């Protein structure tokens, strides 16, 4: 599957829309993610904060967990919407890397402006991969 401009815009719109459902009472930094699988399905995720800060889950990981729960493991792209086009945290980058370094990552601001587009490989050089566990 190729990431067309039309599909890119659909992902961006979905990420912006789902961002409204985020639970972020502490940081007030709402994040929405729309993850496109290679079968053409889209899975959504939001950040869910917790008073015990380390227990917070990011939108990107939320979307990945949703997709994997539905049996999907091959990802094409993910759109991440924040108020300012912020990048995924290190944990999210590593989780995405587990499923492929060539996943396109679209970072958009609250107005839908594409702030940055990279692959996971570009966002996480030297990613720890399953083959690194081999002897």
N, C-alpha and C. Protein backbone atom coordinates (compact mmCIF):
# COMPACT_ATOMS: atom_id res chain seq x y z
N UNK A 1 0.85 -1.18 0.00
CA UNK A 1 0.00 0.00 0.00
C UNK A 1 0.89 1.24 0.00
N UNK A 2 0.53 2.19 -0.82
CA UNK A 2 1.26 3.45 -0.88
C UNK A 2 0.46 4.52 -0.16
N UNK A 3 1.14 5.36 0.58
CA UNK A 3 0.47 6.42 1.32
C UNK A 3 0.15 7.56 0.36
N UNK A 4 -1.08 7.58 -0.12
CA UNK A 4 -1.51 8.63 -1.04
C UNK A 4 -1.79 9.92 -0.27
N UNK A 5 -1.86 11.01 -0.98
CA UNK A 5 -2.19 12.29 -0.35
C UNK A 5 -3.58 12.23 0.28
N UNK A 6 -4.50 11.57 -0.39
CA UNK A 6 -5.87 11.43 0.15
C UNK A 6 -5.86 10.66 1.46
N UNK A 7 -5.13 9.54 1.51
CA UNK A 7 -5.07 8.72 2.72
C UNK A 7 -4.35 9.49 3.83
N UNK A 8 -3.32 10.24 3.46
CA UNK A 8 -2.59 11.06 4.43
C UNK A 8 -3.55 12.06 5.09
N UNK A 9 -4.36 12.72 4.28
CA UNK A 9 -5.31 13.70 4.81
C UNK A 9 -6.38 13.04 5.69
N UNK A 10 -6.81 11.84 5.32
CA UNK A 10 -7.77 11.10 6.15
C UNK A 10 -7.17 10.77 7.51
N UNK A 11 -5.92 10.34 7.52
CA UNK A 11 -5.25 10.03 8.79
C UNK A 11 -5.11 11.27 9.65
N UNK A 12 -4.70 12.36 9.05
CA UNK A 12 -4.54 13.62 9.78
C UNK A 12 -5.88 14.05 10.39
N UNK A 13 -6.92 13.99 9.60
CA UNK A 13 -8.25 14.37 10.09
C UNK A 13 -8.68 13.47 11.25
N UNK A 14 -8.44 12.17 11.12
CA UNK A 14 -8.83 11.23 12.18
C UNK A 14 -8.04 11.50 13.46
N UNK A 15 -6.74 11.79 13.34
CA UNK A 15 -5.92 12.06 14.52
C UNK A 15 -6.38 13.34 15.22
N UNK A 16 -6.71 14.35 14.45
CA UNK A 16 -7.19 15.61 15.04
C UNK A 16 -8.52 15.40 15.75
N UNK A 17 -9.39 14.64 15.12
CA UNK A 17 -10.71 14.39 15.70
C UNK A 17 -10.62 13.58 16.99
N UNK A 18 -9.84 12.51 16.98
CA UNK A 18 -9.76 11.65 18.17
C UNK A 18 -9.02 12.35 19.31
N UNK A 19 -8.15 13.29 18.98
CA UNK A 19 -7.41 14.05 20.01
C UNK A 19 -8.36 14.67 21.03
N UNK A 20 -9.55 15.03 20.58
CA UNK A 20 -10.55 15.66 21.47
C UNK A 20 -10.97 14.73 22.60
N UNK A 21 -10.74 13.43 22.43
CA UNK A 21 -11.16 12.44 23.43
C UNK A 21 -10.05 12.09 24.41
N UNK A 22 -8.88 12.69 24.24
CA UNK A 22 -7.76 12.39 25.14
C UNK A 22 -8.10 12.77 26.57
N UNK A 23 -7.45 12.08 27.50
CA UNK A 23 -7.62 12.35 28.93
C UNK A 23 -6.29 12.88 29.45
N UNK A 24 -6.20 14.20 29.57
CA UNK A 24 -4.95 14.83 29.97
C UNK A 24 -5.18 15.93 31.00
N UNK A 25 -5.73 15.58 32.17
CA UNK A 25 -6.06 16.61 33.16
C UNK A 25 -4.84 17.24 33.83
N UNK A 26 -3.67 16.65 33.71
CA UNK A 26 -2.48 17.17 34.38
C UNK A 26 -1.65 18.06 33.48
N UNK A 27 -1.39 17.61 32.27
CA UNK A 27 -0.57 18.39 31.35
C UNK A 27 -1.41 19.27 30.43
N UNK A 28 -2.67 18.90 30.24
CA UNK A 28 -3.53 19.56 29.26
C UNK A 28 -2.94 19.51 27.86
N UNK A 29 -2.11 18.51 27.60
CA UNK A 29 -1.48 18.31 26.29
C UNK A 29 -2.16 17.11 25.63
N UNK A 30 -3.21 17.40 24.87
CA UNK A 30 -3.99 16.35 24.23
C UNK A 30 -3.26 15.82 23.00
N UNK A 31 -3.27 14.50 22.85
CA UNK A 31 -2.62 13.86 21.71
C UNK A 31 -3.57 12.84 21.12
N UNK A 32 -3.70 12.87 19.80
CA UNK A 32 -4.48 11.87 19.08
C UNK A 32 -3.61 11.20 18.03
N UNK A 33 -3.84 9.92 17.82
CA UNK A 33 -3.06 9.18 16.83
C UNK A 33 -3.99 8.35 15.96
N UNK A 34 -3.67 8.28 14.68
CA UNK A 34 -4.39 7.43 13.73
C UNK A 34 -3.35 6.59 13.01
N UNK A 35 -3.44 5.27 13.21
CA UNK A 35 -2.45 4.32 12.71
C UNK A 35 -3.05 3.54 11.54
N UNK A 36 -2.41 3.62 10.40
CA UNK A 36 -2.87 2.95 9.18
C UNK A 36 -2.12 1.63 9.01
N UNK A 37 -2.88 0.54 8.86
CA UNK A 37 -2.26 -0.76 8.63
C UNK A 37 -2.09 -0.97 7.14
N UNK A 38 -1.28 -1.95 6.78
CA UNK A 38 -1.06 -2.24 5.37
C UNK A 38 -2.28 -2.89 4.73
N UNK A 39 -3.26 -3.32 5.55
CA UNK A 39 -4.52 -3.83 5.00
C UNK A 39 -5.53 -2.71 4.79
N UNK A 40 -5.15 -1.48 5.14
CA UNK A 40 -6.03 -0.33 4.92
C UNK A 40 -6.90 0.05 6.09
N UNK A 41 -6.78 -0.65 7.22
CA UNK A 41 -7.57 -0.31 8.40
C UNK A 41 -6.87 0.80 9.19
N UNK A 42 -7.66 1.60 9.87
CA UNK A 42 -7.13 2.66 10.71
C UNK A 42 -7.53 2.41 12.15
N UNK A 43 -6.55 2.50 13.04
CA UNK A 43 -6.79 2.34 14.47
C UNK A 43 -6.43 3.64 15.17
N UNK A 44 -7.27 4.04 16.12
CA UNK A 44 -7.10 5.32 16.79
C UNK A 44 -6.58 5.13 18.21
N UNK A 45 -5.92 6.16 18.70
CA UNK A 45 -5.44 6.16 20.07
C UNK A 45 -5.35 7.57 20.61
N UNK A 46 -5.44 7.68 21.92
CA UNK A 46 -5.29 8.97 22.60
C UNK A 46 -4.39 8.78 23.81
N UNK A 47 -3.82 9.88 24.29
CA UNK A 47 -3.07 9.78 25.52
C UNK A 47 -4.05 9.74 26.70
N UNK A 48 -3.69 8.92 27.68
CA UNK A 48 -4.50 8.77 28.89
C UNK A 48 -3.55 8.96 30.07
N UNK A 49 -3.66 10.12 30.70
CA UNK A 49 -2.78 10.43 31.82
C UNK A 49 -3.27 9.78 33.11
N UNK A 50 -2.37 9.77 34.08
CA UNK A 50 -2.66 9.16 35.37
C UNK A 50 -1.96 10.00 36.43
N UNK A 51 -2.56 10.09 37.60
CA UNK A 51 -1.94 10.85 38.69
C UNK A 51 -0.57 10.27 39.04
N UNK A 52 -0.39 8.97 38.85
CA UNK A 52 0.93 8.35 38.96
C UNK A 52 1.54 8.47 37.57
N UNK A 53 2.26 9.55 37.33
CA UNK A 53 2.71 9.92 35.98
C UNK A 53 3.30 8.79 35.14
N UNK A 54 4.12 7.91 35.69
CA UNK A 54 4.69 6.85 34.83
C UNK A 54 3.65 5.90 34.25
N UNK A 55 2.46 5.89 34.81
CA UNK A 55 1.41 5.00 34.31
C UNK A 55 0.62 5.59 33.15
N UNK A 56 0.97 6.78 32.73
CA UNK A 56 0.34 7.41 31.57
C UNK A 56 0.66 6.60 30.32
N UNK A 57 -0.32 6.52 29.40
CA UNK A 57 -0.08 5.86 28.11
C UNK A 57 -0.21 6.91 27.03
N UNK A 58 0.68 6.85 26.08
CA UNK A 58 0.70 7.80 24.98
C UNK A 58 -0.27 7.37 23.88
N UNK A 59 -0.69 8.32 23.08
CA UNK A 59 -1.64 8.05 21.99
C UNK A 59 -1.07 7.07 20.98
N UNK A 60 0.20 7.20 20.65
CA UNK A 60 0.81 6.33 19.65
C UNK A 60 0.78 4.88 20.11
N UNK A 61 1.17 4.64 21.36
CA UNK A 61 1.16 3.27 21.89
C UNK A 61 -0.27 2.76 22.04
N UNK A 62 -1.18 3.65 22.39
CA UNK A 62 -2.59 3.27 22.49
C UNK A 62 -3.11 2.76 21.15
N UNK A 63 -2.76 3.44 20.07
CA UNK A 63 -3.18 3.02 18.73
C UNK A 63 -2.54 1.69 18.34
N UNK A 64 -1.26 1.51 18.66
CA UNK A 64 -0.57 0.26 18.35
C UNK A 64 -1.21 -0.90 19.10
N UNK A 65 -1.50 -0.72 20.38
CA UNK A 65 -2.13 -1.78 21.17
C UNK A 65 -3.49 -2.14 20.59
N UNK A 66 -4.24 -1.15 20.19
CA UNK A 66 -5.55 -1.40 19.58
C UNK A 66 -5.42 -2.22 18.30
N UNK A 67 -4.46 -1.86 17.46
CA UNK A 67 -4.25 -2.58 16.21
C UNK A 67 -3.81 -4.02 16.46
N UNK A 68 -2.85 -4.18 17.34
CA UNK A 68 -2.35 -5.53 17.64
C UNK A 68 -3.47 -6.38 18.25
N UNK A 69 -4.30 -5.77 19.09
CA UNK A 69 -5.42 -6.50 19.69
C UNK A 69 -6.40 -7.01 18.64
N UNK A 70 -6.44 -6.33 17.50
CA UNK A 70 -7.32 -6.74 16.39
C UNK A 70 -6.60 -7.67 15.41
N UNK A 71 -5.36 -8.04 15.73
CA UNK A 71 -4.62 -8.96 14.88
C UNK A 71 -3.75 -8.32 13.82
N UNK A 72 -3.63 -7.00 13.84
CA UNK A 72 -2.82 -6.29 12.85
C UNK A 72 -1.42 -6.07 13.37
N UNK A 73 -0.43 -6.27 12.50
CA UNK A 73 0.96 -6.08 12.90
C UNK A 73 1.81 -5.40 11.82
N UNK A 74 1.21 -5.13 10.68
CA UNK A 74 1.94 -4.50 9.58
C UNK A 74 1.39 -3.09 9.37
N UNK A 75 2.21 -2.10 9.68
CA UNK A 75 1.77 -0.72 9.68
C UNK A 75 2.41 0.09 8.56
N UNK A 76 1.61 0.96 7.98
CA UNK A 76 2.04 1.82 6.88
C UNK A 76 2.45 3.21 7.38
N UNK A 77 1.58 3.80 8.21
CA UNK A 77 1.80 5.19 8.64
C UNK A 77 1.02 5.48 9.91
N UNK A 78 1.46 6.52 10.61
CA UNK A 78 0.73 7.00 11.78
C UNK A 78 0.73 8.52 11.74
N UNK A 79 -0.44 9.10 11.95
CA UNK A 79 -0.56 10.55 12.09
C UNK A 79 -0.72 10.85 13.58
N UNK A 80 0.04 11.81 14.06
CA UNK A 80 -0.01 12.20 15.47
C UNK A 80 -0.35 13.68 15.53
N UNK A 81 -1.45 13.98 16.21
CA UNK A 81 -1.93 15.37 16.31
C UNK A 81 -1.76 15.88 17.73
N UNK A 82 -1.10 17.03 17.84
CA UNK A 82 -0.95 17.74 19.11
C UNK A 82 -1.22 19.21 18.81
N UNK A 83 -1.18 20.05 19.83
CA UNK A 83 -1.42 21.46 19.56
C UNK A 83 -0.29 22.09 18.75
N UNK A 84 0.93 21.52 18.86
CA UNK A 84 2.08 22.15 18.22
C UNK A 84 2.91 21.22 17.32
N UNK A 85 2.39 20.04 17.01
CA UNK A 85 3.14 19.13 16.14
C UNK A 85 4.28 18.42 16.84
N UNK A 86 4.15 18.22 18.15
CA UNK A 86 5.20 17.57 18.94
C UNK A 86 5.50 16.16 18.46
N UNK A 87 6.73 15.72 18.68
CA UNK A 87 7.16 14.41 18.22
C UNK A 87 6.87 13.32 19.25
N UNK A 88 6.79 12.07 18.80
CA UNK A 88 6.58 10.97 19.74
C UNK A 88 7.74 10.86 20.73
N UNK A 89 7.43 10.42 21.93
CA UNK A 89 8.46 10.21 22.94
C UNK A 89 9.33 9.01 22.56
N UNK A 90 10.39 8.81 23.28
CA UNK A 90 11.30 7.70 23.00
C UNK A 90 10.63 6.35 23.11
N UNK A 91 9.76 6.16 24.10
CA UNK A 91 9.07 4.88 24.25
C UNK A 91 8.17 4.60 23.06
N UNK A 92 7.48 5.61 22.58
CA UNK A 92 6.61 5.43 21.41
C UNK A 92 7.43 5.12 20.17
N UNK A 93 8.55 5.78 20.02
CA UNK A 93 9.43 5.51 18.88
C UNK A 93 9.90 4.06 18.90
N UNK A 94 10.26 3.58 20.09
CA UNK A 94 10.74 2.20 20.20
C UNK A 94 9.60 1.21 19.92
N UNK A 95 8.41 1.48 20.41
CA UNK A 95 7.28 0.59 20.14
C UNK A 95 6.97 0.56 18.64
N UNK A 96 6.97 1.70 17.99
CA UNK A 96 6.76 1.72 16.54
C UNK A 96 7.86 0.96 15.81
N UNK A 97 9.11 1.11 16.28
CA UNK A 97 10.24 0.43 15.65
C UNK A 97 10.07 -1.09 15.70
N UNK A 98 9.42 -1.58 16.71
CA UNK A 98 9.17 -3.02 16.82
C UNK A 98 8.42 -3.55 15.60
N UNK A 99 7.62 -2.69 14.99
CA UNK A 99 6.76 -3.10 13.88
C UNK A 99 7.26 -2.60 12.52
N UNK A 100 8.35 -1.87 12.52
CA UNK A 100 8.93 -1.47 11.24
C UNK A 100 9.55 -0.09 11.25
N UNK A 101 10.76 -0.02 10.74
CA UNK A 101 11.47 1.25 10.70
C UNK A 101 11.02 2.15 9.56
N UNK A 102 10.27 1.59 8.62
CA UNK A 102 9.83 2.38 7.47
C UNK A 102 8.40 2.93 7.61
N UNK A 103 7.82 2.79 8.78
CA UNK A 103 6.50 3.38 9.04
C UNK A 103 6.63 4.90 8.92
N UNK A 104 5.74 5.51 8.14
CA UNK A 104 5.73 6.97 8.00
C UNK A 104 5.07 7.59 9.23
N UNK A 105 5.68 8.63 9.75
CA UNK A 105 5.17 9.33 10.93
C UNK A 105 4.84 10.76 10.51
N UNK A 106 3.56 11.10 10.57
CA UNK A 106 3.08 12.43 10.19
C UNK A 106 2.76 13.20 11.47
N UNK A 107 3.43 14.30 11.69
CA UNK A 107 3.21 15.12 12.88
C UNK A 107 2.46 16.38 12.48
N UNK A 108 1.30 16.59 13.09
CA UNK A 108 0.47 17.72 12.73
C UNK A 108 0.10 18.55 13.95
N UNK A 109 -0.13 19.83 13.71
CA UNK A 109 -0.57 20.71 14.78
C UNK A 109 -2.09 20.73 14.84
N UNK A 110 -2.63 21.51 15.75
CA UNK A 110 -4.07 21.52 15.98
C UNK A 110 -4.88 22.06 14.79
N UNK A 111 -4.21 22.73 13.86
CA UNK A 111 -4.88 23.23 12.67
C UNK A 111 -4.76 22.28 11.48
N UNK A 112 -4.12 21.13 11.71
CA UNK A 112 -3.97 20.16 10.64
C UNK A 112 -2.78 20.41 9.74
N UNK A 113 -1.92 21.36 10.12
CA UNK A 113 -0.72 21.63 9.34
C UNK A 113 0.31 20.52 9.57
N UNK A 114 0.82 19.96 8.50
CA UNK A 114 1.86 18.95 8.60
C UNK A 114 3.16 19.63 8.99
N UNK A 115 3.60 19.41 10.21
CA UNK A 115 4.79 20.05 10.76
C UNK A 115 6.05 19.28 10.37
N UNK A 116 5.91 17.96 10.34
CA UNK A 116 7.07 17.11 10.05
C UNK A 116 6.58 15.76 9.54
N UNK A 117 7.32 15.17 8.61
CA UNK A 117 7.05 13.82 8.14
C UNK A 117 8.37 13.08 8.07
N UNK A 118 8.44 11.99 8.81
CA UNK A 118 9.65 11.18 8.87
C UNK A 118 9.26 9.70 8.89
N UNK A 119 10.26 8.86 8.76
CA UNK A 119 10.05 7.44 9.04
C UNK A 119 10.48 7.19 10.48
N UNK A 120 10.07 6.07 11.01
CA UNK A 120 10.53 5.69 12.35
C UNK A 120 12.06 5.61 12.34
N UNK A 121 12.62 5.08 11.27
CA UNK A 121 14.09 4.98 11.15
C UNK A 121 14.75 6.34 11.35
N UNK A 122 14.17 7.39 10.79
CA UNK A 122 14.74 8.73 10.92
C UNK A 122 14.56 9.29 12.33
N UNK A 123 13.43 8.92 12.97
CA UNK A 123 13.17 9.40 14.33
C UNK A 123 13.95 8.64 15.39
N UNK A 124 14.35 7.40 15.06
CA UNK A 124 15.04 6.58 16.06
C UNK A 124 16.23 5.86 15.43
N UNK A 125 17.28 6.62 15.11
CA UNK A 125 18.47 5.97 14.56
C UNK A 125 19.05 4.98 15.58
N UNK A 126 19.50 3.85 15.09
CA UNK A 126 20.08 2.85 15.99
C UNK A 126 19.05 2.15 16.85
N UNK A 127 17.82 2.07 16.37
CA UNK A 127 16.74 1.43 17.13
C UNK A 127 17.12 0.02 17.56
N UNK A 128 16.74 -0.36 18.75
CA UNK A 128 16.94 -1.73 19.24
C UNK A 128 15.89 -2.59 18.56
N UNK A 129 16.33 -3.62 17.86
CA UNK A 129 15.45 -4.47 17.06
C UNK A 129 15.48 -5.91 17.55
N UNK A 130 14.47 -6.71 17.16
CA UNK A 130 14.43 -8.11 17.61
C UNK A 130 15.74 -8.86 17.29
N UNK A 131 16.34 -8.59 16.16
CA UNK A 131 17.58 -9.30 15.81
C UNK A 131 18.72 -8.96 16.77
N UNK A 132 18.59 -7.85 17.52
CA UNK A 132 19.63 -7.52 18.50
C UNK A 132 19.61 -8.48 19.68
N UNK A 133 18.56 -9.25 19.83
CA UNK A 133 18.47 -10.23 20.91
C UNK A 133 19.19 -11.52 20.57
N UNK A 134 19.51 -11.71 19.30
CA UNK A 134 20.20 -12.93 18.86
C UNK A 134 21.61 -12.95 19.41
N UNK A 135 22.09 -14.16 19.58
CA UNK A 135 23.47 -14.31 20.07
C UNK A 135 24.45 -14.15 18.95
